Amino acid sequence: MSERVLRYAMEAYPEAAVTVLHVVGEPSAMMGRAAALALEDDPESAAEDAAGAVFDCARDVAAEYGATVDTTVAWGAPAREVVERADEFDTVVVGSHAGRLRDRLFVGDVARTVFRRCPVTVTVVR
């Protein structure tokens, strides 16, 4: 879904500066990866390392469009992190779901929350 969202943003906003935000969820019993990162000596650095593959893919997609992307990692609840940073941007482009049923049930509907609370225009890509 993330790749689809990025491709949409590249096509819809070809002259825009695009920032790819990767949010590492808050640790919980249901989020094993985030919990494992929280146990690292330097969780922020570990989160950046984990985001590396996501950012490499994003850079490859952007290169197909002759563009570059800025990247940033955040730690917390994905919807909250997107909404809190939204004032820095003209628009937010987000995917309609995380993809797996388990994620949608336990994590919640990030796109819906972003759409309802975001102070800037939100485009939801399906």
Protein backbone atom coordinates (compact mmCIF):
# COMPACT_ATOMS: atom_id res chain seq x y z
CA MET A 1 0.00 0.00 0.00
CA SER A 2 2.80 2.43 0.82
CA GLU A 3 4.29 2.05 -2.62
CA ARG A 4 0.89 2.68 -4.23
CA VAL A 5 0.44 5.81 -2.11
CA LEU A 6 3.87 7.10 -3.09
CA ARG A 7 3.23 6.46 -6.78
CA TYR A 8 -0.05 8.37 -6.50
CA ALA A 9 1.72 11.30 -4.82
CA MET A 10 4.44 11.34 -7.50
CA GLU A 11 1.84 11.41 -10.28
CA ALA A 12 -0.63 13.83 -8.64
CA TYR A 13 2.01 16.26 -7.33
CA PRO A 14 4.95 15.98 -9.74
CA GLU A 15 6.55 19.28 -8.67
CA ALA A 16 6.02 18.82 -4.93
CA ALA A 17 8.64 18.15 -2.30
CA VAL A 18 7.58 14.76 -0.92
CA THR A 19 8.36 13.51 2.56
CA VAL A 20 7.96 9.82 3.38
CA LEU A 21 7.10 9.34 7.04
CA HIS A 22 7.62 5.90 8.56
CA VAL A 23 6.01 5.57 11.98
CA VAL A 24 7.19 2.83 14.31
CA GLY A 25 4.20 1.99 16.47
CA GLU A 26 4.21 2.26 20.22
CA PRO A 27 5.21 -0.97 21.93
CA SER A 28 2.42 -3.28 22.99
CA ALA A 29 1.85 -6.98 23.43
CA MET A 30 0.25 -7.09 19.97
CA MET A 31 3.04 -5.24 18.21
CA GLY A 32 6.05 -7.51 18.50
CA ARG A 33 8.37 -5.52 16.25
CA ALA A 34 7.74 -2.23 18.07
CA ALA A 35 8.16 -3.96 21.43
CA ALA A 36 11.45 -5.46 20.27
CA LEU A 37 12.69 -2.05 19.12
CA ALA A 38 11.75 -0.54 22.50
CA LEU A 39 14.08 -3.04 24.18
CA GLU A 40 17.09 -1.93 22.11
CA ASP A 41 19.82 0.14 23.78
CA ASP A 42 19.09 2.95 21.30
CA PRO A 43 15.46 2.53 20.13
CA GLU A 44 15.52 5.57 17.85
CA SER A 45 18.57 4.30 15.99
CA ALA A 46 17.06 0.81 15.76
CA ALA A 47 13.85 2.32 14.34
CA GLU A 48 15.88 4.20 11.73
CA ASP A 49 17.64 0.98 10.78
CA ALA A 50 14.32 -0.85 10.50
CA ALA A 51 12.96 1.92 8.27
CA GLY A 52 15.93 1.60 5.92
CA ALA A 53 14.26 -0.91 3.59
CA VAL A 54 11.09 1.21 3.44
CA PHE A 55 13.10 4.30 2.58
CA ASP A 56 15.22 2.46 0.00
CA CYS A 57 12.03 1.37 -1.75
CA ALA A 58 10.63 4.92 -1.57
CA ARG A 59 13.82 6.34 -3.10
CA ASP A 60 13.66 3.76 -5.90
CA VAL A 61 10.04 4.64 -6.68
CA ALA A 62 10.82 8.36 -6.64
CA ALA A 63 13.76 7.80 -8.98
CA GLU A 64 11.39 6.21 -11.50
CA TYR A 65 9.64 9.60 -11.61
CA GLY A 66 12.89 11.54 -11.78
CA ALA A 67 12.33 12.80 -8.23
CA THR A 68 13.74 12.47 -4.76
CA VAL A 69 12.03 12.16 -1.39
CA ASP A 70 12.85 13.31 2.09
CA THR A 71 12.51 10.65 4.76
CA THR A 72 11.75 10.78 8.44
CA VAL A 73 11.07 8.26 11.19
CA ALA A 74 8.65 8.82 14.06
CA TRP A 75 7.87 6.73 17.11
CA GLY A 76 4.30 6.47 18.39
CA ALA A 77 0.73 6.03 17.23
CA PRO A 78 0.78 6.37 13.41
CA ALA A 79 -2.34 8.54 13.04
CA ARG A 80 -1.29 10.86 15.86
CA GLU A 81 2.20 11.28 14.43
CA VAL A 82 0.84 12.12 10.96
CA VAL A 83 -1.69 14.63 12.32
CA GLU A 84 0.88 16.30 14.61
CA ARG A 85 3.27 16.84 11.68
CA ALA A 86 0.61 17.80 9.12
CA ASP A 87 0.99 21.57 9.58
CA GLU A 88 4.44 21.27 8.00
CA PHE A 89 2.86 20.22 4.67
CA ASP A 90 0.28 21.38 2.13
CA THR A 91 -1.39 17.99 1.93
CA VAL A 92 -1.17 14.48 3.35
CA VAL A 93 -1.50 11.37 1.18
CA VAL A 94 -2.25 8.19 3.09
CA GLY A 95 -3.23 4.60 2.26
CA SER A 96 -6.69 3.33 3.08
CA HIS A 97 -5.48 0.43 5.27
CA ALA A 98 -2.41 -1.34 6.54
CA GLY A 99 -3.14 -4.38 4.42
CA ARG A 100 -3.48 -7.17 6.96
CA LEU A 101 -6.72 -7.80 8.82
CA ARG A 102 -4.84 -8.15 12.10
CA ASP A 103 -3.37 -4.65 11.65
CA ARG A 104 -6.76 -3.13 10.88
CA LEU A 105 -8.37 -4.78 13.92
CA PHE A 106 -5.71 -4.06 16.53
CA VAL A 107 -4.06 -0.90 15.26
CA GLY A 108 -7.25 0.79 14.07
CA ASP A 109 -8.03 2.68 10.94
CA VAL A 110 -5.17 5.15 10.60
CA ALA A 111 -6.53 6.72 7.41
CA ARG A 112 -9.92 7.42 9.00
CA THR A 113 -8.33 9.08 12.02
CA VAL A 114 -5.96 11.14 9.88
CA PHE A 115 -8.84 12.20 7.63
CA ARG A 116 -10.98 13.30 10.57
CA ARG A 117 -8.30 15.13 12.57
CA CYS A 118 -5.84 16.46 10.02
CA PRO A 119 -5.58 20.26 9.72
CA VAL A 120 -4.63 20.09 6.00
CA THR A 121 -6.13 18.43 2.94
CA VAL A 122 -5.95 14.62 3.07
CA THR A 123 -6.04 12.32 0.07
CA VAL A 124 -6.83 8.68 0.84
CA VAL A 125 -5.52 6.20 -1.72
CA ARG A 126 -7.14 2.78 -2.08
